[in-house]
Amino acid sequence: MDLIAGPVASLLEGIVPQRPPVMRDMEARARDDGFPIIGPAAGQFCYLVARLIGARHIFELGSGYGYSTAWFAKAVHENGGGTVDHVVWDEKLSADARSYLAELGYADTIRYTVGEAVQSLNEAAGPFDLIFNDIDKKAYPASLPVIRRKLRPGGVLITDNVLWSGRVFDDSDTSEPTQAIREFTRLVTRSPDWSATVVPIRDGLLVAIRN
C-alpha cells in the first residue's frame, strides 16, 4: 500500500539536503538489498527533532548498518557533541556501521553494542535526551517501560513503522507484529506519561515527549 501520495513523497525527499557520498552509498545498498532503512525524508525529520531539543545523548533501539545513526550523530555533533548508542544484534552489521560512520567522521561520537537492544538500554546509564525505537515489532509494547525509565523528562521518543505499510488499518490482520504495533500506539497515545502524535512520513513515525 502506498501510504503517501507520490507527489508528496517526492516533495519530502526532494527537499532533503544533499547527503555525503557515504550516506548515498548506504541508501543505494538499502535499495539493492531490500534492507529496511528509514530513508532520507524520515532521516531528516529525526535529525531536525534531535537538533530542536538540543539532544546530546541518543540511544537507538535497533540500528542496522548505521544509516539512522548517521542522522542522529550529525545532530549531536552540531549540538556541541555527545554520544549516540548504536545497538544491533549482528556482528557484521555492527562492523559495517563502524566503517560507514568512521568515514563520515563520527567515530568518536558513537558507542557500539552488539546484543539485544532493550536489554542493552536497560543496562545503559542514561538518562537519554532521545530514544529511537526500531526493533522487532512484536517487542514494541514490552520495550515501553524501559524506554520511559531511561528517557529524561521532556525527552523524545521516536518509533518507526507505526503505520506498518497500512496493515494497522486492516481489521482482518491479527498477526502478532501488527497487534503489537497497535497496542504500542495505544499505550503511548493514551497514557498521561506521554504527549504524542504520529507523523505520516514513509511508514509512520510516532513522536512522543515524556511528560
N, C-alpha and C. Protein backbone atom coordinates (compact mmCIF):
# COMPACT_ATOMS: atom_id res chain seq x y z
N MET A 1 0.84 -1.19 0.00
CA MET A 1 0.00 0.00 0.00
C MET A 1 0.88 1.25 0.00
N ASP A 2 0.62 2.17 -0.93
CA ASP A 2 1.33 3.44 -0.95
C ASP A 2 0.65 4.39 0.04
N LEU A 3 1.26 4.59 1.18
CA LEU A 3 0.65 5.38 2.23
C LEU A 3 0.73 6.87 1.97
N ILE A 4 1.77 7.29 1.25
CA ILE A 4 1.99 8.70 0.96
C ILE A 4 1.80 8.92 -0.53
N ALA A 5 0.97 9.90 -0.90
CA ALA A 5 0.77 10.21 -2.31
C ALA A 5 2.11 10.49 -2.98
N GLY A 6 2.26 10.00 -4.21
CA GLY A 6 3.51 10.12 -4.93
C GLY A 6 4.11 11.51 -4.95
N PRO A 7 3.34 12.55 -5.31
CA PRO A 7 3.90 13.90 -5.33
C PRO A 7 4.37 14.37 -3.96
N VAL A 8 3.64 13.97 -2.91
CA VAL A 8 4.03 14.37 -1.56
C VAL A 8 5.33 13.67 -1.16
N ALA A 9 5.42 12.38 -1.44
CA ALA A 9 6.64 11.64 -1.12
C ALA A 9 7.83 12.21 -1.87
N SER A 10 7.62 12.56 -3.12
CA SER A 10 8.71 13.13 -3.91
C SER A 10 9.14 14.48 -3.35
N LEU A 11 8.16 15.29 -2.94
CA LEU A 11 8.49 16.58 -2.35
C LEU A 11 9.30 16.41 -1.07
N LEU A 12 8.84 15.52 -0.19
CA LEU A 12 9.52 15.31 1.09
C LEU A 12 10.96 14.87 0.90
N GLU A 13 11.17 13.98 -0.05
CA GLU A 13 12.53 13.52 -0.30
C GLU A 13 13.34 14.57 -1.05
N GLY A 14 12.68 15.31 -1.92
CA GLY A 14 13.38 16.29 -2.74
C GLY A 14 13.92 17.47 -1.96
N ILE A 15 13.28 17.80 -0.83
CA ILE A 15 13.74 18.95 -0.05
C ILE A 15 14.80 18.59 0.98
N VAL A 16 15.14 17.29 1.09
CA VAL A 16 16.21 16.87 1.99
C VAL A 16 17.54 17.36 1.41
N PRO A 17 18.36 18.02 2.21
CA PRO A 17 19.66 18.48 1.69
C PRO A 17 20.49 17.32 1.16
N GLN A 18 21.39 17.64 0.26
CA GLN A 18 22.28 16.64 -0.31
C GLN A 18 23.06 15.92 0.78
N ARG A 19 23.10 14.60 0.70
CA ARG A 19 23.84 13.82 1.68
C ARG A 19 25.26 13.55 1.20
N PRO A 20 26.18 13.29 2.14
CA PRO A 20 27.53 12.91 1.74
C PRO A 20 27.51 11.62 0.91
N PRO A 21 28.53 11.40 0.10
CA PRO A 21 28.58 10.19 -0.72
C PRO A 21 28.42 8.90 0.08
N VAL A 22 28.97 8.86 1.28
CA VAL A 22 28.84 7.65 2.10
C VAL A 22 27.37 7.35 2.39
N MET A 23 26.60 8.36 2.73
CA MET A 23 25.18 8.13 3.01
C MET A 23 24.43 7.75 1.75
N ARG A 24 24.82 8.31 0.62
CA ARG A 24 24.22 7.90 -0.66
C ARG A 24 24.52 6.43 -0.93
N ASP A 25 25.73 5.99 -0.59
CA ASP A 25 26.08 4.58 -0.75
C ASP A 25 25.21 3.70 0.16
N MET A 26 24.95 4.17 1.37
CA MET A 26 24.11 3.42 2.30
C MET A 26 22.68 3.33 1.77
N GLU A 27 22.19 4.40 1.18
CA GLU A 27 20.86 4.39 0.59
C GLU A 27 20.79 3.43 -0.60
N ALA A 28 21.84 3.43 -1.42
CA ALA A 28 21.88 2.52 -2.57
C ALA A 28 21.91 1.07 -2.11
N ARG A 29 22.66 0.80 -1.07
CA ARG A 29 22.71 -0.57 -0.53
C ARG A 29 21.32 -1.02 -0.09
N ALA A 30 20.59 -0.14 0.59
CA ALA A 30 19.25 -0.49 1.03
C ALA A 30 18.35 -0.82 -0.15
N ARG A 31 18.44 0.00 -1.21
CA ARG A 31 17.62 -0.26 -2.40
C ARG A 31 18.00 -1.59 -3.05
N ASP A 32 19.29 -1.83 -3.17
CA ASP A 32 19.75 -3.04 -3.86
C ASP A 32 19.46 -4.31 -3.06
N ASP A 33 19.59 -4.22 -1.74
CA ASP A 33 19.46 -5.42 -0.90
C ASP A 33 18.07 -5.55 -0.27
N GLY A 34 17.23 -4.53 -0.43
CA GLY A 34 15.93 -4.57 0.24
C GLY A 34 16.05 -4.44 1.74
N PHE A 35 17.10 -3.76 2.20
CA PHE A 35 17.31 -3.60 3.64
C PHE A 35 16.48 -2.41 4.13
N PRO A 36 15.74 -2.58 5.22
CA PRO A 36 14.85 -1.51 5.68
C PRO A 36 15.57 -0.42 6.46
N ILE A 37 15.88 0.69 5.79
CA ILE A 37 16.40 1.88 6.48
C ILE A 37 15.29 2.93 6.54
N ILE A 38 15.49 3.96 7.35
CA ILE A 38 14.42 4.95 7.49
C ILE A 38 14.29 5.86 6.27
N GLY A 39 15.33 5.96 5.46
CA GLY A 39 15.27 6.78 4.25
C GLY A 39 15.54 8.24 4.52
N PRO A 40 15.78 9.02 3.45
CA PRO A 40 16.20 10.42 3.61
C PRO A 40 15.17 11.32 4.30
N ALA A 41 13.89 11.22 3.93
CA ALA A 41 12.89 12.12 4.50
C ALA A 41 12.72 11.89 5.99
N ALA A 42 12.61 10.61 6.40
CA ALA A 42 12.49 10.31 7.82
C ALA A 42 13.79 10.61 8.55
N GLY A 43 14.92 10.38 7.88
CA GLY A 43 16.20 10.70 8.49
C GLY A 43 16.34 12.18 8.78
N GLN A 44 15.94 13.00 7.81
CA GLN A 44 15.99 14.45 8.00
C GLN A 44 15.07 14.88 9.14
N PHE A 45 13.90 14.26 9.23
CA PHE A 45 12.97 14.58 10.32
C PHE A 45 13.59 14.23 11.67
N CYS A 46 14.19 13.05 11.77
CA CYS A 46 14.82 12.65 13.03
C CYS A 46 15.96 13.61 13.41
N TYR A 47 16.73 13.98 12.42
CA TYR A 47 17.82 14.94 12.65
C TYR A 47 17.26 16.27 13.18
N LEU A 48 16.19 16.76 12.57
CA LEU A 48 15.60 18.04 12.98
C LEU A 48 15.07 17.98 14.42
N VAL A 49 14.40 16.88 14.77
CA VAL A 49 13.90 16.75 16.13
C VAL A 49 15.06 16.76 17.12
N ALA A 50 16.12 16.02 16.80
CA ALA A 50 17.28 15.98 17.68
C ALA A 50 17.92 17.37 17.83
N ARG A 51 17.98 18.12 16.73
CA ARG A 51 18.51 19.48 16.81
C ARG A 51 17.60 20.39 17.63
N LEU A 52 16.29 20.26 17.42
CA LEU A 52 15.34 21.13 18.10
C LEU A 52 15.39 20.99 19.62
N ILE A 53 15.63 19.78 20.10
CA ILE A 53 15.66 19.59 21.56
C ILE A 53 17.08 19.66 22.10
N GLY A 54 18.05 19.93 21.23
CA GLY A 54 19.44 20.01 21.68
C GLY A 54 19.99 18.69 22.18
N ALA A 55 19.55 17.59 21.57
CA ALA A 55 19.94 16.26 22.05
C ALA A 55 21.44 16.04 21.98
N ARG A 56 21.99 15.55 23.08
CA ARG A 56 23.42 15.23 23.12
C ARG A 56 23.68 13.78 23.53
N HIS A 57 22.62 13.10 23.96
CA HIS A 57 22.74 11.69 24.32
C HIS A 57 21.53 10.96 23.74
N ILE A 58 21.80 10.13 22.74
CA ILE A 58 20.74 9.45 21.98
C ILE A 58 21.00 7.95 22.02
N PHE A 59 19.94 7.18 22.19
CA PHE A 59 20.04 5.72 22.18
C PHE A 59 19.13 5.18 21.08
N GLU A 60 19.71 4.34 20.24
CA GLU A 60 18.95 3.69 19.17
C GLU A 60 18.66 2.24 19.56
N LEU A 61 17.40 1.90 19.61
CA LEU A 61 16.97 0.52 19.77
C LEU A 61 16.81 -0.08 18.38
N GLY A 62 17.85 -0.75 17.92
CA GLY A 62 17.86 -1.28 16.56
C GLY A 62 18.47 -0.27 15.61
N SER A 63 19.65 -0.59 15.07
CA SER A 63 20.42 0.43 14.34
C SER A 63 20.88 0.00 12.96
N GLY A 64 20.63 -1.25 12.57
CA GLY A 64 21.06 -1.69 11.25
C GLY A 64 22.53 -1.44 11.01
N TYR A 65 22.84 -1.01 9.79
CA TYR A 65 24.25 -0.74 9.49
C TYR A 65 24.58 0.75 9.63
N GLY A 66 23.75 1.47 10.38
CA GLY A 66 24.15 2.80 10.82
C GLY A 66 23.58 3.98 10.06
N TYR A 67 22.57 3.75 9.21
CA TYR A 67 22.04 4.88 8.44
C TYR A 67 21.33 5.88 9.34
N SER A 68 20.41 5.42 10.17
CA SER A 68 19.74 6.35 11.10
C SER A 68 20.75 6.92 12.08
N THR A 69 21.72 6.12 12.47
CA THR A 69 22.76 6.59 13.39
C THR A 69 23.47 7.81 12.83
N ALA A 70 23.72 7.80 11.53
CA ALA A 70 24.42 8.93 10.90
C ALA A 70 23.63 10.22 11.04
N TRP A 71 22.31 10.15 10.89
CA TRP A 71 21.49 11.35 11.04
C TRP A 71 21.54 11.87 12.48
N PHE A 72 21.45 10.94 13.45
CA PHE A 72 21.50 11.36 14.85
C PHE A 72 22.88 11.87 15.23
N ALA A 73 23.92 11.24 14.70
CA ALA A 73 25.29 11.69 15.00
C ALA A 73 25.54 13.09 14.46
N LYS A 74 25.00 13.37 13.29
CA LYS A 74 25.12 14.71 12.72
C LYS A 74 24.48 15.74 13.65
N ALA A 75 23.30 15.41 14.17
CA ALA A 75 22.62 16.34 15.09
C ALA A 75 23.40 16.53 16.37
N VAL A 76 23.88 15.44 16.95
CA VAL A 76 24.64 15.52 18.20
C VAL A 76 25.91 16.34 18.00
N HIS A 77 26.58 16.10 16.89
CA HIS A 77 27.80 16.87 16.58
C HIS A 77 27.48 18.36 16.51
N GLU A 78 26.40 18.72 15.84
CA GLU A 78 26.04 20.12 15.68
C GLU A 78 25.47 20.72 16.97
N ASN A 79 25.02 19.87 17.87
CA ASN A 79 24.53 20.34 19.17
C ASN A 79 25.65 20.54 20.18
N GLY A 80 26.88 20.31 19.76
CA GLY A 80 28.01 20.55 20.65
C GLY A 80 28.73 19.31 21.12
N GLY A 81 28.29 18.15 20.62
CA GLY A 81 28.97 16.90 20.98
C GLY A 81 28.19 16.09 21.98
N GLY A 82 28.51 14.81 22.03
CA GLY A 82 27.81 13.89 22.92
C GLY A 82 27.99 12.48 22.43
N THR A 83 26.96 11.64 22.64
CA THR A 83 27.06 10.24 22.26
C THR A 83 25.79 9.76 21.59
N VAL A 84 25.95 8.83 20.67
CA VAL A 84 24.84 8.08 20.09
C VAL A 84 25.16 6.61 20.30
N ASP A 85 24.26 5.88 20.94
CA ASP A 85 24.44 4.45 21.14
C ASP A 85 23.86 3.69 19.95
N HIS A 86 24.73 2.99 19.23
CA HIS A 86 24.34 2.14 18.11
C HIS A 86 24.27 0.71 18.63
N VAL A 87 23.08 0.11 18.57
CA VAL A 87 22.89 -1.24 19.09
C VAL A 87 22.27 -2.11 18.00
N VAL A 88 22.92 -3.22 17.73
CA VAL A 88 22.42 -4.14 16.71
C VAL A 88 22.80 -5.56 17.14
N TRP A 89 22.03 -6.53 16.67
CA TRP A 89 22.20 -7.91 17.10
C TRP A 89 23.27 -8.66 16.32
N ASP A 90 23.79 -8.07 15.25
CA ASP A 90 24.60 -8.78 14.27
C ASP A 90 26.01 -8.17 14.19
N GLU A 91 27.02 -9.01 14.34
CA GLU A 91 28.41 -8.53 14.32
C GLU A 91 28.76 -7.87 12.99
N LYS A 92 28.28 -8.45 11.88
CA LYS A 92 28.61 -7.91 10.56
C LYS A 92 27.98 -6.52 10.38
N LEU A 93 26.74 -6.36 10.79
CA LEU A 93 26.10 -5.05 10.68
C LEU A 93 26.83 -4.02 11.54
N SER A 94 27.24 -4.43 12.73
CA SER A 94 27.97 -3.53 13.60
C SER A 94 29.29 -3.11 12.97
N ALA A 95 30.00 -4.07 12.36
CA ALA A 95 31.27 -3.75 11.70
C ALA A 95 31.06 -2.82 10.51
N ASP A 96 30.00 -3.07 9.74
CA ASP A 96 29.69 -2.19 8.60
C ASP A 96 29.40 -0.78 9.09
N ALA A 97 28.63 -0.68 10.19
CA ALA A 97 28.30 0.64 10.74
C ALA A 97 29.56 1.37 11.18
N ARG A 98 30.48 0.67 11.83
CA ARG A 98 31.73 1.29 12.28
C ARG A 98 32.48 1.88 11.09
N SER A 99 32.50 1.14 9.99
CA SER A 99 33.21 1.61 8.80
C SER A 99 32.54 2.84 8.20
N TYR A 100 31.23 2.76 7.99
CA TYR A 100 30.49 3.89 7.41
C TYR A 100 30.63 5.14 8.28
N LEU A 101 30.40 4.98 9.57
CA LEU A 101 30.34 6.15 10.46
C LEU A 101 31.72 6.75 10.71
N ALA A 102 32.75 5.92 10.67
CA ALA A 102 34.11 6.45 10.76
C ALA A 102 34.43 7.28 9.52
N GLU A 103 33.98 6.80 8.36
CA GLU A 103 34.23 7.54 7.13
C GLU A 103 33.49 8.87 7.13
N LEU A 104 32.37 8.93 7.81
CA LEU A 104 31.61 10.18 7.93
C LEU A 104 32.19 11.11 8.99
N GLY A 105 33.15 10.62 9.75
CA GLY A 105 33.79 11.46 10.77
C GLY A 105 33.13 11.41 12.13
N TYR A 106 32.30 10.38 12.37
CA TYR A 106 31.56 10.30 13.62
C TYR A 106 32.08 9.23 14.57
N ALA A 107 33.27 8.71 14.32
CA ALA A 107 33.78 7.59 15.13
C ALA A 107 33.80 7.90 16.61
N ASP A 108 34.15 9.13 16.98
CA ASP A 108 34.26 9.49 18.39
C ASP A 108 32.91 9.76 19.05
N THR A 109 31.85 9.81 18.25
CA THR A 109 30.52 10.12 18.78
C THR A 109 29.73 8.86 19.11
N ILE A 110 30.06 7.74 18.48
CA ILE A 110 29.24 6.53 18.55
C ILE A 110 29.78 5.55 19.57
N ARG A 111 28.86 4.96 20.36
CA ARG A 111 29.18 3.82 21.21
C ARG A 111 28.48 2.60 20.62
N TYR A 112 29.25 1.55 20.34
CA TYR A 112 28.72 0.37 19.64
C TYR A 112 28.48 -0.77 20.62
N THR A 113 27.31 -1.39 20.47
CA THR A 113 26.98 -2.58 21.25
C THR A 113 26.40 -3.63 20.31
N VAL A 114 26.88 -4.85 20.43
CA VAL A 114 26.27 -5.98 19.72
C VAL A 114 25.48 -6.78 20.75
N GLY A 115 24.17 -6.80 20.60
CA GLY A 115 23.35 -7.50 21.57
C GLY A 115 21.88 -7.15 21.42
N GLU A 116 21.08 -7.65 22.33
CA GLU A 116 19.64 -7.39 22.31
C GLU A 116 19.40 -5.96 22.76
N ALA A 117 18.60 -5.22 21.98
CA ALA A 117 18.53 -3.77 22.14
C ALA A 117 17.89 -3.34 23.46
N VAL A 118 16.76 -3.92 23.83
CA VAL A 118 16.07 -3.48 25.04
C VAL A 118 16.89 -3.81 26.28
N GLN A 119 17.51 -4.97 26.30
CA GLN A 119 18.39 -5.32 27.41
C GLN A 119 19.56 -4.34 27.49
N SER A 120 20.11 -3.98 26.33
CA SER A 120 21.22 -3.03 26.31
C SER A 120 20.80 -1.67 26.85
N LEU A 121 19.58 -1.24 26.49
CA LEU A 121 19.07 0.02 27.02
C LEU A 121 18.88 -0.08 28.53
N ASN A 122 18.34 -1.19 28.98
CA ASN A 122 18.10 -1.38 30.41
C ASN A 122 19.40 -1.31 31.21
N GLU A 123 20.49 -1.74 30.59
CA GLU A 123 21.79 -1.75 31.27
C GLU A 123 22.56 -0.44 31.08
N ALA A 124 22.09 0.42 30.19
CA ALA A 124 22.78 1.68 29.92
C ALA A 124 22.57 2.66 31.07
N ALA A 125 23.52 3.57 31.24
CA ALA A 125 23.46 4.50 32.37
C ALA A 125 22.29 5.48 32.23
N GLY A 126 22.15 6.09 31.05
CA GLY A 126 21.10 7.09 30.88
C GLY A 126 21.28 8.27 31.85
N PRO A 127 20.33 9.18 31.92
CA PRO A 127 19.16 9.24 31.04
C PRO A 127 19.53 9.77 29.66
N PHE A 128 18.65 9.53 28.70
CA PHE A 128 18.88 9.95 27.32
C PHE A 128 17.93 11.08 26.94
N ASP A 129 18.40 11.91 26.03
CA ASP A 129 17.57 13.01 25.51
C ASP A 129 16.57 12.52 24.47
N LEU A 130 16.98 11.49 23.74
CA LEU A 130 16.14 10.97 22.65
C LEU A 130 16.40 9.48 22.53
N ILE A 131 15.34 8.71 22.39
CA ILE A 131 15.44 7.28 22.12
C ILE A 131 14.70 6.98 20.82
N PHE A 132 15.37 6.27 19.93
CA PHE A 132 14.79 5.87 18.65
C PHE A 132 14.49 4.38 18.72
N ASN A 133 13.25 4.00 18.44
CA ASN A 133 12.80 2.62 18.59
C ASN A 133 12.48 2.01 17.23
N ASP A 134 13.28 1.03 16.83
CA ASP A 134 13.06 0.36 15.54
C ASP A 134 13.44 -1.11 15.66
N ILE A 135 12.96 -1.75 16.72
CA ILE A 135 13.27 -3.14 16.99
C ILE A 135 12.22 -4.05 16.35
N ASP A 136 12.32 -5.35 16.62
CA ASP A 136 11.31 -6.31 16.22
C ASP A 136 9.95 -5.82 16.72
N LYS A 137 9.02 -5.71 15.80
CA LYS A 137 7.75 -5.06 16.14
C LYS A 137 7.00 -5.78 17.27
N LYS A 138 7.17 -7.09 17.36
CA LYS A 138 6.50 -7.84 18.42
C LYS A 138 6.95 -7.39 19.81
N ALA A 139 8.13 -6.80 19.88
CA ALA A 139 8.69 -6.39 21.17
C ALA A 139 8.36 -4.95 21.53
N TYR A 140 7.63 -4.25 20.67
CA TYR A 140 7.35 -2.83 20.94
C TYR A 140 6.67 -2.61 22.30
N PRO A 141 5.55 -3.26 22.62
CA PRO A 141 4.89 -2.95 23.90
C PRO A 141 5.77 -3.19 25.12
N ALA A 142 6.51 -4.29 25.11
CA ALA A 142 7.34 -4.62 26.27
C ALA A 142 8.52 -3.66 26.42
N SER A 143 8.88 -2.98 25.35
CA SER A 143 10.02 -2.05 25.42
C SER A 143 9.65 -0.74 26.12
N LEU A 144 8.36 -0.42 26.18
CA LEU A 144 7.95 0.92 26.62
C LEU A 144 8.35 1.25 28.06
N PRO A 145 8.16 0.36 29.04
CA PRO A 145 8.57 0.72 30.40
C PRO A 145 10.07 1.02 30.52
N VAL A 146 10.88 0.27 29.79
CA VAL A 146 12.33 0.52 29.83
C VAL A 146 12.64 1.86 29.18
N ILE A 147 12.00 2.14 28.05
CA ILE A 147 12.21 3.42 27.37
C ILE A 147 11.86 4.58 28.31
N ARG A 148 10.70 4.48 28.96
CA ARG A 148 10.28 5.58 29.83
C ARG A 148 11.27 5.79 30.96
N ARG A 149 11.77 4.70 31.51
CA ARG A 149 12.70 4.80 32.64
C ARG A 149 14.03 5.44 32.24
N LYS A 150 14.44 5.21 31.01
CA LYS A 150 15.76 5.68 30.57
C LYS A 150 15.72 7.02 29.85
N LEU A 151 14.54 7.53 29.56
CA LEU A 151 14.41 8.80 28.86
C LEU A 151 14.19 9.91 29.89
N ARG A 152 14.90 11.00 29.75
CA ARG A 152 14.74 12.10 30.71
C ARG A 152 13.36 12.74 30.55
N PRO A 153 12.81 13.35 31.60
CA PRO A 153 11.59 14.13 31.44
C PRO A 153 11.79 15.21 30.38
N GLY A 154 10.86 15.33 29.46
CA GLY A 154 11.00 16.25 28.35
C GLY A 154 11.77 15.67 27.18
N GLY A 155 12.29 14.46 27.36
CA GLY A 155 12.98 13.78 26.27
C GLY A 155 11.99 13.25 25.25
N VAL A 156 12.51 12.88 24.09
CA VAL A 156 11.66 12.50 22.96
C VAL A 156 11.88 11.04 22.57
N LEU A 157 10.79 10.35 22.35
CA LEU A 157 10.77 9.01 21.78
C LEU A 157 10.30 9.09 20.34
N ILE A 158 11.07 8.51 19.43
CA ILE A 158 10.65 8.37 18.03
C ILE A 158 10.58 6.88 17.72
N THR A 159 9.44 6.41 17.25
CA THR A 159 9.26 5.00 16.95
C THR A 159 8.88 4.84 15.49
N ASP A 160 9.59 3.96 14.80
CA ASP A 160 9.40 3.78 13.36
C ASP A 160 8.33 2.72 13.08
N ASN A 161 7.78 2.77 11.87
CA ASN A 161 6.89 1.74 11.29
C ASN A 161 5.54 1.60 11.97
N VAL A 162 5.01 2.69 12.56
CA VAL A 162 3.74 2.54 13.26
C VAL A 162 2.54 2.48 12.30
N LEU A 163 2.75 2.78 11.03
CA LEU A 163 1.68 2.57 10.03
C LEU A 163 1.80 1.19 9.40
N TRP A 164 3.00 0.60 9.47
CA TRP A 164 3.21 -0.81 9.13
C TRP A 164 2.68 -1.17 7.74
N SER A 165 3.04 -0.31 6.78
CA SER A 165 2.63 -0.49 5.37
C SER A 165 1.12 -0.61 5.22
N GLY A 166 0.39 0.01 6.13
CA GLY A 166 -1.07 0.01 6.07
C GLY A 166 -1.73 -1.16 6.76
N ARG A 167 -0.94 -2.10 7.26
CA ARG A 167 -1.54 -3.29 7.88
C ARG A 167 -2.30 -2.96 9.16
N VAL A 168 -1.91 -1.86 9.83
CA VAL A 168 -2.63 -1.49 11.06
C VAL A 168 -4.07 -1.08 10.79
N PHE A 169 -4.40 -0.76 9.54
CA PHE A 169 -5.76 -0.35 9.19
C PHE A 169 -6.64 -1.53 8.80
N ASP A 170 -6.04 -2.70 8.62
CA ASP A 170 -6.75 -3.88 8.15
C ASP A 170 -7.24 -4.68 9.36
N ASP A 171 -8.54 -4.61 9.63
CA ASP A 171 -9.09 -5.29 10.81
C ASP A 171 -8.91 -6.79 10.76
N SER A 172 -8.73 -7.33 9.57
CA SER A 172 -8.55 -8.78 9.46
C SER A 172 -7.13 -9.22 9.78
N ASP A 173 -6.21 -8.27 9.88
CA ASP A 173 -4.82 -8.59 10.19
C ASP A 173 -4.65 -8.65 11.71
N THR A 174 -4.60 -9.86 12.22
CA THR A 174 -4.43 -10.06 13.66
C THR A 174 -3.08 -10.70 13.96
N SER A 175 -2.12 -10.52 13.05
CA SER A 175 -0.79 -11.08 13.26
C SER A 175 -0.14 -10.42 14.47
N GLU A 176 0.82 -11.12 15.06
CA GLU A 176 1.45 -10.62 16.29
C GLU A 176 2.16 -9.28 16.09
N PRO A 177 2.94 -9.09 15.00
CA PRO A 177 3.58 -7.78 14.84
C PRO A 177 2.57 -6.64 14.69
N THR A 178 1.52 -6.86 13.91
CA THR A 178 0.52 -5.81 13.69
C THR A 178 -0.20 -5.48 14.99
N GLN A 179 -0.60 -6.50 15.72
CA GLN A 179 -1.27 -6.27 17.00
C GLN A 179 -0.35 -5.55 17.99
N ALA A 180 0.94 -5.88 17.95
CA ALA A 180 1.89 -5.24 18.87
C ALA A 180 2.04 -3.76 18.55
N ILE A 181 2.08 -3.41 17.27
CA ILE A 181 2.18 -2.00 16.89
C ILE A 181 0.93 -1.24 17.31
N ARG A 182 -0.23 -1.84 17.09
CA ARG A 182 -1.47 -1.20 17.53
C ARG A 182 -1.46 -0.97 19.04
N GLU A 183 -1.04 -1.98 19.80
CA GLU A 183 -1.03 -1.87 21.25
C GLU A 183 -0.02 -0.82 21.72
N PHE A 184 1.16 -0.81 21.11
CA PHE A 184 2.17 0.18 21.47
C PHE A 184 1.65 1.59 21.22
N THR A 185 1.04 1.81 20.07
CA THR A 185 0.50 3.12 19.74
C THR A 185 -0.58 3.52 20.74
N ARG A 186 -1.43 2.57 21.10
CA ARG A 186 -2.49 2.85 22.08
C ARG A 186 -1.87 3.20 23.43
N LEU A 187 -0.87 2.44 23.85
CA LEU A 187 -0.25 2.68 25.16
C LEU A 187 0.37 4.07 25.24
N VAL A 188 1.04 4.48 24.19
CA VAL A 188 1.71 5.78 24.23
C VAL A 188 0.71 6.92 24.12
N THR A 189 -0.20 6.81 23.18
CA THR A 189 -1.10 7.95 22.92
C THR A 189 -2.17 8.13 23.98
N ARG A 190 -2.43 7.10 24.79
CA ARG A 190 -3.47 7.21 25.82
C ARG A 190 -2.91 7.34 27.23
N SER A 191 -1.61 7.37 27.36
CA SER A 191 -1.01 7.44 28.69
C SER A 191 -0.71 8.88 29.08
N PRO A 192 -0.96 9.25 30.34
CA PRO A 192 -0.58 10.59 30.80
C PRO A 192 0.94 10.77 30.89
N ASP A 193 1.67 9.68 30.74
CA ASP A 193 3.13 9.76 30.78
C ASP A 193 3.72 10.39 29.52
N TRP A 194 2.91 10.45 28.45
CA TRP A 194 3.42 10.88 27.16
C TRP A 194 2.48 11.89 26.51
N SER A 195 3.06 12.79 25.71
CA SER A 195 2.31 13.61 24.76
C SER A 195 2.80 13.20 23.38
N ALA A 196 1.89 12.74 22.52
CA ALA A 196 2.34 12.04 21.32
C ALA A 196 1.50 12.35 20.10
N THR A 197 2.08 12.09 18.94
CA THR A 197 1.36 12.14 17.68
C THR A 197 2.05 11.19 16.71
N VAL A 198 1.40 10.94 15.59
CA VAL A 198 2.00 10.13 14.52
C VAL A 198 2.25 11.03 13.32
N VAL A 199 3.46 11.01 12.84
CA VAL A 199 3.85 11.82 11.67
C VAL A 199 3.89 10.88 10.46
N PRO A 200 3.04 11.11 9.46
CA PRO A 200 2.95 10.18 8.32
C PRO A 200 4.05 10.41 7.28
N ILE A 201 5.28 10.21 7.70
CA ILE A 201 6.40 10.19 6.78
C ILE A 201 6.80 8.73 6.57
N ARG A 202 7.00 8.35 5.31
CA ARG A 202 7.37 6.99 4.94
C ARG A 202 6.41 5.98 5.57
N ASP A 203 6.86 5.20 6.57
CA ASP A 203 6.00 4.17 7.15
C ASP A 203 5.43 4.57 8.50
N GLY A 204 5.46 5.88 8.79
CA GLY A 204 4.85 6.37 10.02
C GLY A 204 5.81 6.42 11.19
N LEU A 205 5.98 7.62 11.74
CA LEU A 205 6.83 7.82 12.92
C LEU A 205 5.96 8.30 14.07
N LEU A 206 5.94 7.55 15.15
CA LEU A 206 5.29 8.02 16.36
C LEU A 206 6.30 8.86 17.12
N VAL A 207 5.92 10.09 17.44
CA VAL A 207 6.81 11.02 18.14
C VAL A 207 6.14 11.39 19.46
N ALA A 208 6.86 11.19 20.55
CA ALA A 208 6.27 11.43 21.88
C ALA A 208 7.27 12.09 22.81
N ILE A 209 6.78 13.02 23.62
CA ILE A 209 7.57 13.63 24.68
C ILE A 209 7.22 12.95 25.99
N ARG A 210 8.22 12.63 26.76
CA ARG A 210 7.96 12.06 28.09
C ARG A 210 7.58 13.19 29.04
N ASN A 211 6.37 13.13 29.57
CA ASN A 211 5.86 14.15 30.48
C ASN A 211 6.49 14.02 31.88
